[in-house]
Amino acid sequence: MKKLSYDYYMKIGYSIPVENCHFTIKCFPQNTDRQSVLTQKIEISAPGYSEGNDGLGNRQIYGSVECEHDIFVFHTTGEVESGLRDYEEPAVEEKIGMFRYAHGCNVPGMGLRNYFEELVRAQVITDGQDDLQKSIALMHRLYQDFKYEKNKTTMSTTAEQAWQIGAGVCQDYAHILIALCQMAGIPARYVTGMLIGEGASHAWVEVLAGERWYPLDPTNDCTVTDSHIKIGTGRDAGDCLINRGIMHGGGTQTQEIRVTVAEID
């Protein structure tokens, strides 16, 4: 168990002033069985905002800036106690269905289906394993067979496309592992969060084993530790976008993001 401080800073610049914009931001750790939010502070270059939860229960703020501006800044800091449990909250039956079947970026193509069949033939997963053991075995093989490399994929790259490329980042590892788990009949969901030493947001997976969700980090080939801070969950990365908005004007955009997570002694 660790006490962690976090600092998430995002600055968006526009080559042409934006006349007005409407924004939604999901960048807020939540209280779960694994972590407890101790403090939180929000600074934003908007006259005001509202708070609420999306349809998946993720915390968010939303609002608008209805005057010309050429930068938009969001900054949140706080403290979280992490690693309280090895698992997340008990699963709610009526909310499991959406995580049983492929959606969006997780839909496998022929390449991933062939890969999964190879793993089954090689007995990477067997009937004697429970769902958590199967998920961990799939994670270990993915870590061996897929390469971490930046600038190979984009935010819109699917699990199948990343697999064909053979390399990607945490988002791609998460999408592929979700696809593999779902082909094995294991409900799985996408998680966005922060991690000590990353410098940016991070992504991992939660799988349903028994009655609880268990977090796995396929990028680092490990179960999620007390160095992780969870922000939100969804079917794929599209459900967990930290920043989403509609604007009039703006021209070309530039984005600066800085993320720091540190242990508090």
Protein backbone atom coordinates (compact mmCIF):
# COMPACT_ATOMS: atom_id res chain seq x y z
CA MET A 1 0.00 0.00 0.00
CA LYS A 2 1.33 3.44 -0.96
CA LYS A 3 0.32 7.05 -0.61
CA LEU A 4 0.76 8.71 -4.00
CA SER A 5 0.65 12.30 -5.20
CA TYR A 6 -0.34 13.03 -8.79
CA ASP A 7 -0.10 16.04 -11.08
CA TYR A 8 -1.80 16.07 -14.50
CA TYR A 9 -1.30 19.15 -16.71
CA MET A 10 -2.76 19.61 -20.19
CA LYS A 11 -2.39 22.66 -22.43
CA ILE A 12 -3.99 22.91 -25.87
CA GLY A 13 -2.91 25.71 -28.20
CA TYR A 14 -4.77 26.89 -31.30
CA SER A 15 -3.25 28.55 -34.36
CA ILE A 16 -6.52 30.47 -34.88
CA PRO A 17 -8.56 31.69 -31.90
CA VAL A 18 -11.49 29.49 -30.93
CA GLU A 19 -14.77 31.41 -30.87
CA ASN A 20 -16.36 29.04 -28.34
CA CYS A 21 -15.94 25.45 -27.20
CA HIS A 22 -17.74 22.80 -25.20
CA PHE A 23 -15.57 20.33 -23.27
CA THR A 24 -15.77 17.12 -21.28
CA ILE A 25 -12.78 16.00 -19.19
CA LYS A 26 -12.40 12.61 -17.47
CA CYS A 27 -9.20 12.79 -15.47
CA PHE A 28 -10.22 12.15 -11.89
CA PRO A 29 -9.20 9.25 -9.68
CA GLN A 30 -12.18 7.62 -8.03
CA ASN A 31 -12.75 5.78 -4.79
CA THR A 32 -12.67 2.03 -5.39
CA ASP A 33 -11.85 -1.10 -3.40
CA ARG A 34 -8.21 -0.69 -4.48
CA GLN A 35 -7.72 3.03 -3.85
CA SER A 36 -8.97 5.96 -1.79
CA VAL A 37 -8.86 9.59 -2.97
CA LEU A 38 -7.51 11.76 -0.16
CA THR A 39 -7.33 15.22 -1.78
CA GLN A 40 -8.00 16.79 -5.16
CA LYS A 41 -7.65 20.22 -6.74
CA ILE A 42 -8.82 21.36 -10.20
CA GLU A 43 -7.69 24.41 -12.17
CA ILE A 44 -9.13 25.10 -15.61
CA SER A 45 -9.20 28.06 -18.03
CA ALA A 46 -12.99 28.13 -18.11
CA PRO A 47 -15.39 30.42 -16.22
CA GLY A 48 -17.08 27.41 -14.63
CA TYR A 49 -17.98 23.76 -15.01
CA SER A 50 -20.35 21.08 -13.78
CA GLU A 51 -19.44 17.72 -12.29
CA GLY A 52 -21.06 14.34 -12.79
CA ASN A 53 -20.61 10.73 -13.91
CA ASP A 54 -20.86 9.21 -17.37
CA GLY A 55 -22.92 6.10 -18.15
CA LEU A 56 -20.06 3.86 -16.98
CA GLY A 57 -19.69 5.62 -13.64
CA ASN A 58 -16.54 7.56 -14.51
CA ARG A 59 -16.17 10.99 -12.93
CA GLN A 60 -16.15 13.92 -15.35
CA ILE A 61 -16.47 17.68 -15.60
CA TYR A 62 -18.10 19.49 -18.48
CA GLY A 63 -18.66 23.07 -19.49
CA SER A 64 -18.01 25.70 -22.13
CA VAL A 65 -15.84 28.71 -22.92
CA GLU A 66 -17.92 31.16 -24.90
CA CYS A 67 -15.34 33.82 -25.69
CA GLU A 68 -12.36 33.86 -28.05
CA HIS A 69 -9.28 32.08 -26.74
CA ASP A 70 -6.09 30.61 -28.21
CA ILE A 71 -5.17 28.26 -25.35
CA PHE A 72 -7.09 25.89 -23.11
CA VAL A 73 -5.46 24.71 -19.87
CA PHE A 74 -6.52 21.98 -17.49
CA HIS A 75 -4.55 21.10 -14.34
CA THR A 76 -5.44 18.70 -11.53
CA THR A 77 -3.43 17.58 -8.52
CA GLY A 78 -4.15 15.40 -5.53
CA GLU A 79 -3.26 12.48 -3.32
CA VAL A 80 -4.43 8.87 -3.45
CA GLU A 81 -3.87 5.87 -1.18
CA SER A 82 -3.34 2.94 -3.56
CA GLY A 83 -3.05 -0.82 -3.23
CA LEU A 84 -5.75 -1.29 -0.58
CA ARG A 85 -6.82 -4.55 -2.25
CA ASP A 86 -5.65 -6.83 -5.07
CA TYR A 87 -9.03 -6.55 -6.77
CA GLU A 88 -11.73 -4.07 -7.68
CA GLU A 89 -15.39 -3.93 -6.73
CA PRO A 90 -17.68 -6.95 -7.06
CA ALA A 91 -19.20 -7.25 -10.50
CA VAL A 92 -22.80 -6.15 -11.04
CA GLU A 93 -24.54 -8.71 -13.25
CA GLU A 94 -26.46 -6.23 -15.40
CA LYS A 95 -23.24 -4.35 -16.20
CA ILE A 96 -21.15 -7.36 -17.20
CA GLY A 97 -22.68 -7.97 -20.63
CA MET A 98 -21.04 -5.02 -22.36
CA PHE A 99 -17.61 -6.39 -21.41
CA ARG A 100 -18.23 -9.94 -22.64
CA TYR A 101 -18.20 -9.10 -26.33
CA ALA A 102 -15.85 -7.26 -28.68
CA HIS A 103 -16.52 -3.56 -29.21
CA GLY A 104 -14.85 -0.79 -31.17
CA CYS A 105 -11.08 -1.06 -31.07
CA ASN A 106 -11.23 -4.52 -29.47
CA VAL A 107 -12.89 -6.31 -32.39
CA PRO A 108 -10.42 -9.01 -33.55
CA GLY A 109 -9.66 -9.67 -37.20
CA MET A 110 -8.27 -12.80 -38.79
CA GLY A 111 -4.76 -12.16 -37.46
CA LEU A 112 -5.78 -12.03 -33.80
CA ARG A 113 -8.20 -14.92 -34.21
CA ASN A 114 -5.42 -17.06 -35.68
CA TYR A 115 -3.08 -16.01 -32.87
CA PHE A 116 -5.66 -16.97 -30.24
CA GLU A 117 -6.18 -20.37 -31.86
CA GLU A 118 -2.39 -20.91 -31.82
CA LEU A 119 -2.33 -20.17 -28.08
CA VAL A 120 -5.16 -22.63 -27.47
CA ARG A 121 -3.38 -25.35 -29.45
CA ALA A 122 -0.18 -24.65 -27.52
CA GLN A 123 -2.19 -25.07 -24.29
CA VAL A 124 -1.30 -21.61 -23.05
CA ILE A 125 -4.81 -21.69 -21.60
CA THR A 126 -6.46 -24.93 -20.47
CA ASP A 127 -9.68 -26.10 -18.87
CA GLY A 128 -7.83 -26.63 -15.62
CA GLN A 129 -7.13 -22.91 -15.19
CA ASP A 130 -9.56 -20.43 -13.67
CA ASP A 131 -10.32 -17.20 -15.55
CA LEU A 132 -7.68 -15.17 -13.72
CA GLN A 133 -4.99 -17.76 -14.46
CA LYS A 134 -6.03 -17.83 -18.13
CA SER A 135 -5.91 -14.04 -18.35
CA ILE A 136 -2.44 -13.90 -16.80
CA ALA A 137 -1.21 -16.63 -19.15
CA LEU A 138 -2.53 -14.67 -22.15
CA MET A 139 -0.85 -11.53 -20.81
CA HIS A 140 2.52 -13.29 -20.48
CA ARG A 141 2.38 -14.53 -24.09
CA LEU A 142 1.30 -11.15 -25.43
CA TYR A 143 4.26 -9.55 -23.64
CA GLN A 144 6.58 -12.04 -25.39
CA ASP A 145 5.02 -11.70 -28.84
CA PHE A 146 4.29 -7.95 -29.04
CA LYS A 147 6.80 -5.10 -28.87
CA TYR A 148 6.55 -1.77 -27.07
CA GLU A 149 7.40 1.02 -29.49
CA LYS A 150 6.15 4.60 -29.71
CA ASN A 151 4.95 6.33 -32.88
CA LYS A 152 3.86 3.08 -34.52
CA THR A 153 0.16 3.50 -33.73
CA THR A 154 -2.35 6.30 -33.10
CA MET A 155 -5.32 6.85 -30.82
CA SER A 156 -7.61 5.28 -33.43
CA THR A 157 -5.52 2.13 -34.05
CA THR A 158 -7.50 -1.04 -33.40
CA ALA A 159 -6.29 -4.20 -31.67
CA GLU A 160 -6.13 -6.00 -35.01
CA GLN A 161 -4.20 -3.18 -36.70
CA ALA A 162 -1.70 -3.00 -33.83
CA TRP A 163 -1.24 -6.78 -33.95
CA GLN A 164 -0.50 -6.62 -37.67
CA ILE A 165 2.06 -3.85 -37.03
CA GLY A 166 3.61 -5.94 -34.26
CA ALA A 167 4.33 -3.00 -31.97
CA GLY A 168 2.53 -0.29 -30.06
CA VAL A 169 2.00 1.40 -26.72
CA CYS A 170 -0.04 0.72 -23.58
CA GLN A 171 -3.36 1.41 -25.32
CA ASP A 172 -2.57 -1.26 -27.91
CA TYR A 173 -1.48 -3.83 -25.32
CA ALA A 174 -4.75 -3.25 -23.47
CA HIS A 175 -6.93 -3.53 -26.58
CA ILE A 176 -5.24 -6.76 -27.68
CA LEU A 177 -5.44 -8.39 -24.24
CA ILE A 178 -9.12 -7.50 -23.98
CA ALA A 179 -9.72 -9.10 -27.39
CA LEU A 180 -7.86 -12.27 -26.36
CA CYS A 181 -9.70 -12.55 -23.04
CA GLN A 182 -13.08 -12.04 -24.66
CA MET A 183 -12.30 -14.75 -27.23
CA ALA A 184 -11.59 -17.00 -24.23
CA GLY A 185 -15.02 -16.15 -22.81
CA ILE A 186 -13.64 -13.87 -20.08
CA PRO A 187 -15.28 -10.44 -19.62
CA ALA A 188 -12.61 -7.72 -19.79
CA ARG A 189 -12.60 -3.94 -19.70
CA TYR A 190 -10.25 -1.06 -20.53
CA VAL A 191 -8.77 1.09 -17.77
CA THR A 192 -7.11 4.47 -18.01
CA GLY A 193 -4.98 5.86 -15.22
CA MET A 194 -1.55 7.02 -14.12
CA LEU A 195 1.62 5.20 -13.06
CA ILE A 196 4.82 6.17 -11.30
CA GLY A 197 7.53 6.94 -13.86
CA GLU A 198 5.31 7.18 -16.96
CA GLY A 199 5.16 10.94 -17.66
CA ALA A 200 1.82 10.42 -19.44
CA SER A 201 -1.45 8.65 -18.82
CA HIS A 202 -1.33 4.84 -18.78
CA ALA A 203 -3.72 2.06 -19.78
CA TRP A 204 -4.33 -1.44 -18.49
CA VAL A 205 -7.07 -4.08 -18.26
CA GLU A 206 -9.46 -5.50 -15.68
CA VAL A 207 -10.75 -9.05 -16.09
CA LEU A 208 -13.68 -10.66 -14.35
CA ALA A 209 -12.70 -13.74 -12.33
CA GLY A 210 -15.35 -15.16 -10.07
CA GLU A 211 -17.31 -12.21 -8.74
CA ARG A 212 -14.59 -9.55 -8.83
CA TRP A 213 -12.59 -7.51 -11.31
CA TYR A 214 -8.82 -8.06 -11.23
CA PRO A 215 -6.41 -5.53 -12.80
CA LEU A 216 -3.59 -6.60 -15.13
CA ASP A 217 -0.96 -4.37 -16.77
CA PRO A 218 0.02 -6.10 -20.05
CA THR A 219 2.50 -3.38 -21.03
CA ASN A 220 4.59 -4.27 -17.98
CA ASP A 221 3.51 -7.96 -17.81
CA CYS A 222 2.32 -7.73 -14.22
CA THR A 223 -0.69 -7.46 -11.98
CA VAL A 224 -1.49 -3.85 -11.18
CA THR A 225 0.46 -2.62 -8.16
CA ASP A 226 0.15 0.14 -5.60
CA SER A 227 2.11 2.37 -8.01
CA HIS A 228 -0.97 2.66 -10.26
CA ILE A 229 -3.75 5.23 -9.92
CA LYS A 230 -7.03 4.36 -11.63
CA ILE A 231 -9.04 7.05 -13.41
CA GLY A 232 -11.80 5.28 -15.34
CA THR A 233 -13.06 2.20 -17.16
CA GLY A 234 -14.80 1.43 -20.43
CA ARG A 235 -15.20 -1.01 -23.30
CA ASP A 236 -12.17 0.48 -25.11
CA ALA A 237 -10.10 3.66 -25.15
CA GLY A 238 -12.92 5.60 -26.76
CA ASP A 239 -15.00 5.30 -23.57
CA CYS A 240 -12.13 6.68 -21.48
CA LEU A 241 -10.89 9.68 -23.46
CA ILE A 242 -9.50 12.19 -20.99
CA ASN A 243 -10.38 15.20 -23.14
CA ARG A 244 -13.23 15.53 -25.63
CA GLY A 245 -14.78 18.67 -27.05
CA ILE A 246 -16.56 20.57 -29.79
CA MET A 247 -15.26 23.95 -30.95
CA HIS A 248 -15.79 26.64 -33.54
CA GLY A 249 -12.53 27.85 -35.10
CA GLY A 250 -9.15 26.85 -33.74
CA GLY A 251 -7.16 25.99 -36.87
CA THR A 252 -4.21 23.71 -36.08
CA GLN A 253 -3.90 22.36 -32.54
CA THR A 254 -0.84 21.63 -30.43
CA GLN A 255 -1.05 19.70 -27.17
CA GLU A 256 1.28 19.59 -24.19
CA ILE A 257 0.71 16.98 -21.48
CA ARG A 258 2.74 16.43 -18.33
CA VAL A 259 1.95 13.72 -15.80
CA THR A 260 3.80 13.11 -12.55
CA VAL A 261 3.05 10.41 -9.98
CA ALA A 262 5.28 10.11 -6.91
CA GLU A 263 5.21 8.21 -3.64
CA ILE A 264 4.74 10.31 -0.52
CA ASP A 265 7.15 9.23 2.21
